């Protein structure tokens, strides 16, 4: 009788744990789907813009926004060899106009080389935003595939700053019901890690963080 009761208690605990895990996975899955959708606010996005590096189309979109006076400031986070963009090669790669080259010098366009992961991108952006007065909303530019975990990390890094999502590849085929398991697993890890205070996130401190 004692053994039966012990097994019953164990099964009850296991089922409770599995139930909590199932609910958590469902919440993360819904959040992932919603974050991958186009943000309605991207039609009139905030004028402070950050690009999480990767494909160059993200950078071109950010440059187009600032060149067409749709943005006041542009941070390109992760401008390093890992992303295929070294700051001193920026002119050769993107052929900025003389005015845009001046914006790099003046700090209106910032090429930040220290981030090598999405966690570091988010923390670097948070430090950059601290240098700007009165910014309470920001536009993030990245690929649709990367957007869910990138926007999540940025929102949790910045706290009270509103994050508007803008994908750099809107014409790519997309099915909201098809889940990329590799990307979703990274999103799940990001979802859990970013529940911790920023100082416990993995990654090195950016030079922008004084």
C-alpha atoms as a PDB file:
ATOM      1  CA  UNK A   1       0.000   0.000   0.000  1.00  0.00           C
ATOM      2  CA  UNK A   2       2.828   2.406   0.885  1.00  0.00           C
ATOM      3  CA  UNK A   3       4.545   1.686  -2.424  1.00  0.00           C
ATOM      4  CA  UNK A   4       1.340   2.381  -4.365  1.00  0.00           C
ATOM      5  CA  UNK A   5       0.864   5.693  -2.575  1.00  0.00           C
ATOM      6  CA  UNK A   6       4.481   6.669  -3.231  1.00  0.00           C
ATOM      7  CA  UNK A   7       4.112   5.865  -6.935  1.00  0.00           C
ATOM      8  CA  UNK A   8       0.856   7.836  -7.076  1.00  0.00           C
ATOM      9  CA  UNK A   9       2.504  10.880  -5.472  1.00  0.00           C
ATOM     10  CA  UNK A  10       5.420  10.637  -7.891  1.00  0.00           C
ATOM     11  CA  UNK A  11       3.109  10.400 -10.894  1.00  0.00           C
ATOM     12  CA  UNK A  12       1.115  13.385  -9.631  1.00  0.00           C
ATOM     13  CA  UNK A  13       4.285  15.463  -9.361  1.00  0.00           C
ATOM     14  CA  UNK A  14       5.514  14.368 -12.788  1.00  0.00           C
ATOM     15  CA  UNK A  15       2.178  15.223 -14.379  1.00  0.00           C
ATOM     16  CA  UNK A  16       2.157  18.615 -12.642  1.00  0.00           C
ATOM     17  CA  UNK A  17       5.657  19.367 -13.942  1.00  0.00           C
ATOM     18  CA  UNK A  18       4.696  18.249 -17.442  1.00  0.00           C
ATOM     19  CA  UNK A  19       1.578  20.415 -17.276  1.00  0.00           C
ATOM     20  CA  UNK A  20       3.572  23.496 -16.279  1.00  0.00           C
ATOM     21  CA  UNK A  21       6.116  22.769 -19.015  1.00  0.00           C
ATOM     22  CA  UNK A  22       3.340  22.399 -21.609  1.00  0.00           C
ATOM     23  CA  UNK A  23       1.778  25.720 -20.598  1.00  0.00           C
ATOM     24  CA  UNK A  24       5.168  27.445 -20.703  1.00  0.00           C
ATOM     25  CA  UNK A  25       5.944  26.055 -24.158  1.00  0.00           C
ATOM     26  CA  UNK A  26       2.505  27.157 -25.390  1.00  0.00           C
ATOM     27  CA  UNK A  27       3.077  30.689 -24.077  1.00  0.00           C
ATOM     28  CA  UNK A  28       6.499  30.871 -25.711  1.00  0.00           C
ATOM     29  CA  UNK A  29       5.134  29.489 -28.985  1.00  0.00           C
ATOM     30  CA  UNK A  30       2.387  32.118 -29.113  1.00  0.00           C
ATOM     31  CA  UNK A  31       4.869  34.873 -28.269  1.00  0.00           C
ATOM     32  CA  UNK A  32       7.206  33.613 -31.008  1.00  0.00           C
ATOM     33  CA  UNK A  33       4.429  33.669 -33.619  1.00  0.00           C
ATOM     34  CA  UNK A  34       3.242  37.146 -32.635  1.00  0.00           C
ATOM     35  CA  UNK A  35       6.763  38.585 -32.685  1.00  0.00           C
ATOM     36  CA  UNK A  36       7.414  37.186 -36.141  1.00  0.00           C
ATOM     37  CA  UNK A  37       4.343  38.970 -37.507  1.00  0.00           C
ATOM     38  CA  UNK A  38       4.737  42.405 -39.081  1.00  0.00           C
ATOM     39  CA  UNK A  39       4.379  45.168 -36.507  1.00  0.00           C
ATOM     40  CA  UNK A  40       1.523  47.492 -37.502  1.00  0.00           C
ATOM     41  CA  UNK A  41       3.450  50.410 -36.026  1.00  0.00           C
ATOM     42  CA  UNK A  42       6.257  49.890 -38.566  1.00  0.00           C
ATOM     43  CA  UNK A  43       4.344  52.027 -41.082  1.00  0.00           C
ATOM     44  CA  UNK A  44       5.336  55.069 -38.989  1.00  0.00           C
ATOM     45  CA  UNK A  45       8.268  53.712 -36.984  1.00  0.00           C
ATOM     46  CA  UNK A  46      10.171  55.487 -34.205  1.00  0.00           C
ATOM     47  CA  UNK A  47      12.980  57.703 -35.466  1.00  0.00           C
ATOM     48  CA  UNK A  48      15.626  56.032 -33.301  1.00  0.00           C
ATOM     49  CA  UNK A  49      16.694  52.925 -35.200  1.00  0.00           C
ATOM     50  CA  UNK A  50      18.886  49.949 -34.348  1.00  0.00           C
ATOM     51  CA  UNK A  51      20.108  47.240 -36.706  1.00  0.00           C
ATOM     52  CA  UNK A  52      21.190  43.857 -35.376  1.00  0.00           C
ATOM     53  CA  UNK A  53      23.810  42.874 -37.936  1.00  0.00           C
ATOM     54  CA  UNK A  54      23.702  39.834 -40.159  1.00  0.00           C
ATOM     55  CA  UNK A  55      22.563  40.139 -43.777  1.00  0.00           C
ATOM     56  CA  UNK A  56      23.449  43.477 -45.333  1.00  0.00           C
ATOM     57  CA  UNK A  57      19.832  44.179 -46.310  1.00  0.00           C
ATOM     58  CA  UNK A  58      19.239  45.157 -42.689  1.00  0.00           C
ATOM     59  CA  UNK A  59      21.924  47.823 -42.868  1.00  0.00           C
ATOM     60  CA  UNK A  60      20.725  49.118 -46.236  1.00  0.00           C
ATOM     61  CA  UNK A  61      17.215  49.534 -44.808  1.00  0.00           C
ATOM     62  CA  UNK A  62      18.557  51.468 -41.829  1.00  0.00           C
ATOM     63  CA  UNK A  63      20.648  53.705 -44.082  1.00  0.00           C
ATOM     64  CA  UNK A  64      17.664  54.314 -46.361  1.00  0.00           C
ATOM     65  CA  UNK A  65      15.615  55.406 -43.360  1.00  0.00           C
ATOM     66  CA  UNK A  66      18.160  57.920 -42.137  1.00  0.00           C
ATOM     67  CA  UNK A  67      18.901  59.172 -45.671  1.00  0.00           C
ATOM     68  CA  UNK A  68      15.195  59.760 -46.364  1.00  0.00           C
ATOM     69  CA  UNK A  69      14.752  61.599 -43.034  1.00  0.00           C
ATOM     70  CA  UNK A  70      12.678  58.793 -41.508  1.00  0.00           C
ATOM     71  CA  UNK A  71      15.239  58.395 -38.724  1.00  0.00           C
ATOM     72  CA  UNK A  72      17.302  60.686 -36.521  1.00  0.00           C
ATOM     73  CA  UNK A  73      19.782  58.136 -35.183  1.00  0.00           C
ATOM     74  CA  UNK A  74      21.005  54.735 -36.375  1.00  0.00           C
ATOM     75  CA  UNK A  75      22.922  52.159 -34.354  1.00  0.00           C
ATOM     76  CA  UNK A  76      24.476  49.246 -36.243  1.00  0.00           C
ATOM     77  CA  UNK A  77      25.147  46.770 -33.448  1.00  0.00           C
ATOM     78  CA  UNK A  78      27.672  44.010 -34.068  1.00  0.00           C
ATOM     79  CA  UNK A  79      29.702  45.759 -36.773  1.00  0.00           C
ATOM     80  CA  UNK A  80      32.613  43.337 -36.636  1.00  0.00           C
ATOM     81  CA  UNK A  81      34.343  40.541 -38.523  1.00  0.00           C
ATOM     82  CA  UNK A  82      31.829  37.946 -37.273  1.00  0.00           C
ATOM     83  CA  UNK A  83      28.996  39.741 -39.079  1.00  0.00           C
ATOM     84  CA  UNK A  84      31.128  40.454 -42.146  1.00  0.00           C
ATOM     85  CA  UNK A  85      31.264  44.180 -41.408  1.00  0.00           C
ATOM     86  CA  UNK A  86      34.419  45.808 -40.080  1.00  0.00           C
ATOM     87  CA  UNK A  87      33.858  49.516 -39.316  1.00  0.00           C
ATOM     88  CA  UNK A  88      36.779  50.798 -41.380  1.00  0.00           C
ATOM     89  CA  UNK A  89      35.404  48.912 -44.420  1.00  0.00           C
ATOM     90  CA  UNK A  90      31.981  50.519 -44.059  1.00  0.00           C
ATOM     91  CA  UNK A  91      32.584  53.135 -46.820  1.00  0.00           C
ATOM     92  CA  UNK A  92      33.731  50.514 -49.318  1.00  0.00           C
ATOM     93  CA  UNK A  93      30.818  48.198 -48.563  1.00  0.00           C
ATOM     94  CA  UNK A  94      27.947  50.691 -48.439  1.00  0.00           C
ATOM     95  CA  UNK A  95      29.249  53.701 -50.384  1.00  0.00           C
ATOM     96  CA  UNK A  96      27.778  56.320 -48.038  1.00  0.00           C
ATOM     97  CA  UNK A  97      27.194  59.799 -49.354  1.00  0.00           C
ATOM     98  CA  UNK A  98      29.462  62.549 -47.970  1.00  0.00           C
ATOM     99  CA  UNK A  99      26.580  63.551 -45.700  1.00  0.00           C
ATOM    100  CA  UNK A 100      26.184  59.996 -44.395  1.00  0.00           C
ATOM    101  CA  UNK A 101      29.940  59.740 -43.831  1.00  0.00           C
ATOM    102  CA  UNK A 102      29.699  62.902 -41.741  1.00  0.00           C
ATOM    103  CA  UNK A 103      26.881  61.304 -39.735  1.00  0.00           C
ATOM    104  CA  UNK A 104      29.246  58.463 -38.802  1.00  0.00           C
ATOM    105  CA  UNK A 105      31.812  61.002 -37.617  1.00  0.00           C
ATOM    106  CA  UNK A 106      29.245  63.018 -35.658  1.00  0.00           C
ATOM    107  CA  UNK A 107      27.640  59.960 -34.022  1.00  0.00           C
ATOM    108  CA  UNK A 108      24.310  60.128 -35.784  1.00  0.00           C
ATOM    109  CA  UNK A 109      25.243  56.741 -37.278  1.00  0.00           C
ATOM    110  CA  UNK A 110      27.063  54.537 -34.764  1.00  0.00           C
ATOM    111  CA  UNK A 111      29.052  51.466 -35.823  1.00  0.00           C
ATOM    112  CA  UNK A 112      29.313  49.426 -32.622  1.00  0.00           C
ATOM    113  CA  UNK A 113      31.763  46.510 -32.967  1.00  0.00           C
ATOM    114  CA  UNK A 114      31.478  44.687 -29.651  1.00  0.00           C
ATOM    115  CA  UNK A 115      28.323  42.558 -29.943  1.00  0.00           C
ATOM    116  CA  UNK A 116      28.714  38.981 -31.191  1.00  0.00           C
ATOM    117  CA  UNK A 117      25.341  37.567 -30.113  1.00  0.00           C
ATOM    118  CA  UNK A 118      21.715  38.613 -29.800  1.00  0.00           C
ATOM    119  CA  UNK A 119      22.161  39.043 -26.041  1.00  0.00           C
ATOM    120  CA  UNK A 120      25.103  41.373 -26.628  1.00  0.00           C
ATOM    121  CA  UNK A 121      23.186  43.254 -29.355  1.00  0.00           C
ATOM    122  CA  UNK A 122      20.382  43.953 -26.894  1.00  0.00           C
ATOM    123  CA  UNK A 123      22.647  45.011 -24.041  1.00  0.00           C
ATOM    124  CA  UNK A 124      24.746  47.192 -26.354  1.00  0.00           C
ATOM    125  CA  UNK A 125      21.598  48.896 -27.630  1.00  0.00           C
ATOM    126  CA  UNK A 126      20.408  49.523 -24.083  1.00  0.00           C
ATOM    127  CA  UNK A 127      23.686  51.282 -23.260  1.00  0.00           C
ATOM    128  CA  UNK A 128      23.475  53.345 -26.466  1.00  0.00           C
ATOM    129  CA  UNK A 129      19.926  54.437 -25.678  1.00  0.00           C
ATOM    130  CA  UNK A 130      21.130  55.661 -22.296  1.00  0.00           C
ATOM    131  CA  UNK A 131      23.293  58.206 -24.140  1.00  0.00           C
ATOM    132  CA  UNK A 132      20.259  59.666 -25.943  1.00  0.00           C
ATOM    133  CA  UNK A 133      17.960  61.989 -24.056  1.00  0.00           C
ATOM    134  CA  UNK A 134      14.255  61.251 -23.857  1.00  0.00           C
ATOM    135  CA  UNK A 135      14.072  58.187 -26.136  1.00  0.00           C
ATOM    136  CA  UNK A 136      11.123  56.017 -25.100  1.00  0.00           C
ATOM    137  CA  UNK A 137      10.649  54.040 -28.332  1.00  0.00           C
ATOM    138  CA  UNK A 138      12.982  52.439 -30.842  1.00  0.00           C
ATOM    139  CA  UNK A 139      12.756  50.650 -34.195  1.00  0.00           C
ATOM    140  CA  UNK A 140      14.596  47.346 -34.475  1.00  0.00           C
ATOM    141  CA  UNK A 141      15.589  46.069 -37.923  1.00  0.00           C
ATOM    142  CA  UNK A 142      16.534  42.442 -38.476  1.00  0.00           C
ATOM    143  CA  UNK A 143      15.383  39.455 -40.536  1.00  0.00           C
ATOM    144  CA  UNK A 144      11.969  37.900 -39.967  1.00  0.00           C
ATOM    145  CA  UNK A 145      13.603  34.649 -38.836  1.00  0.00           C
ATOM    146  CA  UNK A 146      15.669  36.462 -36.214  1.00  0.00           C
ATOM    147  CA  UNK A 147      13.043  39.007 -35.169  1.00  0.00           C
ATOM    148  CA  UNK A 148      11.271  37.045 -32.423  1.00  0.00           C
ATOM    149  CA  UNK A 149      14.267  36.538 -30.156  1.00  0.00           C
ATOM    150  CA  UNK A 150      15.913  39.829 -31.137  1.00  0.00           C
ATOM    151  CA  UNK A 151      12.853  41.913 -30.232  1.00  0.00           C
ATOM    152  CA  UNK A 152      12.310  39.912 -27.038  1.00  0.00           C
ATOM    153  CA  UNK A 153      15.902  40.420 -25.882  1.00  0.00           C
ATOM    154  CA  UNK A 154      15.796  44.129 -26.720  1.00  0.00           C
ATOM    155  CA  UNK A 155      12.494  44.691 -24.910  1.00  0.00           C
ATOM    156  CA  UNK A 156      13.750  42.975 -21.769  1.00  0.00           C
ATOM    157  CA  UNK A 157      17.143  44.702 -21.922  1.00  0.00           C
ATOM    158  CA  UNK A 158      15.660  48.182 -22.215  1.00  0.00           C
ATOM    159  CA  UNK A 159      12.722  47.717 -19.864  1.00  0.00           C
ATOM    160  CA  UNK A 160      10.431  50.694 -20.386  1.00  0.00           C
ATOM    161  CA  UNK A 161      11.408  51.455 -24.012  1.00  0.00           C
ATOM    162  CA  UNK A 162       8.784  50.504 -26.599  1.00  0.00           C
ATOM    163  CA  UNK A 163      10.228  48.334 -29.398  1.00  0.00           C
ATOM    164  CA  UNK A 164       8.757  48.468 -32.908  1.00  0.00           C
ATOM    165  CA  UNK A 165       9.684  45.569 -35.194  1.00  0.00           C
ATOM    166  CA  UNK A 166      10.677  46.143 -38.839  1.00  0.00           C
ATOM    167  CA  UNK A 167      11.783  43.155 -40.909  1.00  0.00           C
ATOM    168  CA  UNK A 168      14.426  43.606 -43.588  1.00  0.00           C
ATOM    169  CA  UNK A 169      13.104  40.742 -45.744  1.00  0.00           C
ATOM    170  CA  UNK A 170       9.308  41.275 -45.902  1.00  0.00           C
ATOM    171  CA  UNK A 171       9.003  39.638 -49.320  1.00  0.00           C
ATOM    172  CA  UNK A 172      10.530  36.324 -48.241  1.00  0.00           C
ATOM    173  CA  UNK A 173       7.999  33.417 -48.178  1.00  0.00           C
ATOM    174  CA  UNK A 174       6.495  33.128 -44.721  1.00  0.00           C
ATOM    175  CA  UNK A 175       3.985  30.765 -43.139  1.00  0.00           C
ATOM    176  CA  UNK A 176       3.079  31.652 -39.561  1.00  0.00           C
ATOM    177  CA  UNK A 177       2.067  28.040 -38.852  1.00  0.00           C
ATOM    178  CA  UNK A 178       5.448  26.635 -39.876  1.00  0.00           C
ATOM    179  CA  UNK A 179       7.812  26.703 -36.914  1.00  0.00           C
ATOM    180  CA  UNK A 180      11.579  26.649 -37.417  1.00  0.00           C
ATOM    181  CA  UNK A 181      12.532  24.329 -34.563  1.00  0.00           C
ATOM    182  CA  UNK A 182      16.144  25.511 -34.452  1.00  0.00           C
ATOM    183  CA  UNK A 183      15.113  29.158 -34.193  1.00  0.00           C
ATOM    184  CA  UNK A 184      12.305  28.367 -31.754  1.00  0.00           C
ATOM    185  CA  UNK A 185      14.744  26.558 -29.454  1.00  0.00           C
ATOM    186  CA  UNK A 186      16.969  29.666 -29.491  1.00  0.00           C
ATOM    187  CA  UNK A 187      13.916  31.815 -28.802  1.00  0.00           C
ATOM    188  CA  UNK A 188      12.966  29.593 -25.874  1.00  0.00           C
ATOM    189  CA  UNK A 189      16.455  29.868 -24.401  1.00  0.00           C
ATOM    190  CA  UNK A 190      16.358  33.642 -24.874  1.00  0.00           C
ATOM    191  CA  UNK A 191      12.888  33.811 -23.291  1.00  0.00           C
ATOM    192  CA  UNK A 192      14.145  32.058 -20.155  1.00  0.00           C
ATOM    193  CA  UNK A 193      17.578  33.704 -19.863  1.00  0.00           C
ATOM    194  CA  UNK A 194      16.198  37.220 -20.262  1.00  0.00           C
ATOM    195  CA  UNK A 195      13.960  36.715 -17.245  1.00  0.00           C
ATOM    196  CA  UNK A 196      17.171  37.199 -15.271  1.00  0.00           C
ATOM    197  CA  UNK A 197      18.601  40.668 -14.500  1.00  0.00           C
ATOM    198  CA  UNK A 198      20.766  42.010 -17.334  1.00  0.00           C
ATOM    199  CA  UNK A 199      24.018  41.500 -15.427  1.00  0.00           C
ATOM    200  CA  UNK A 200      23.486  37.727 -15.526  1.00  0.00           C
ATOM    201  CA  UNK A 201      23.026  37.543 -19.310  1.00  0.00           C
ATOM    202  CA  UNK A 202      25.801  35.806 -21.262  1.00  0.00           C
ATOM    203  CA  UNK A 203      28.239  37.959 -23.203  1.00  0.00           C
ATOM    204  CA  UNK A 204      30.885  40.623 -22.824  1.00  0.00           C
ATOM    205  CA  UNK A 205      30.320  44.243 -21.910  1.00  0.00           C
ATOM    206  CA  UNK A 206      30.234  46.694 -24.824  1.00  0.00           C
ATOM    207  CA  UNK A 207      32.415  49.787 -24.957  1.00  0.00           C
ATOM    208  CA  UNK A 208      29.160  51.754 -25.171  1.00  0.00           C
ATOM    209  CA  UNK A 209      28.392  50.655 -21.602  1.00  0.00           C
ATOM    210  CA  UNK A 210      30.239  53.176 -19.456  1.00  0.00           C
END
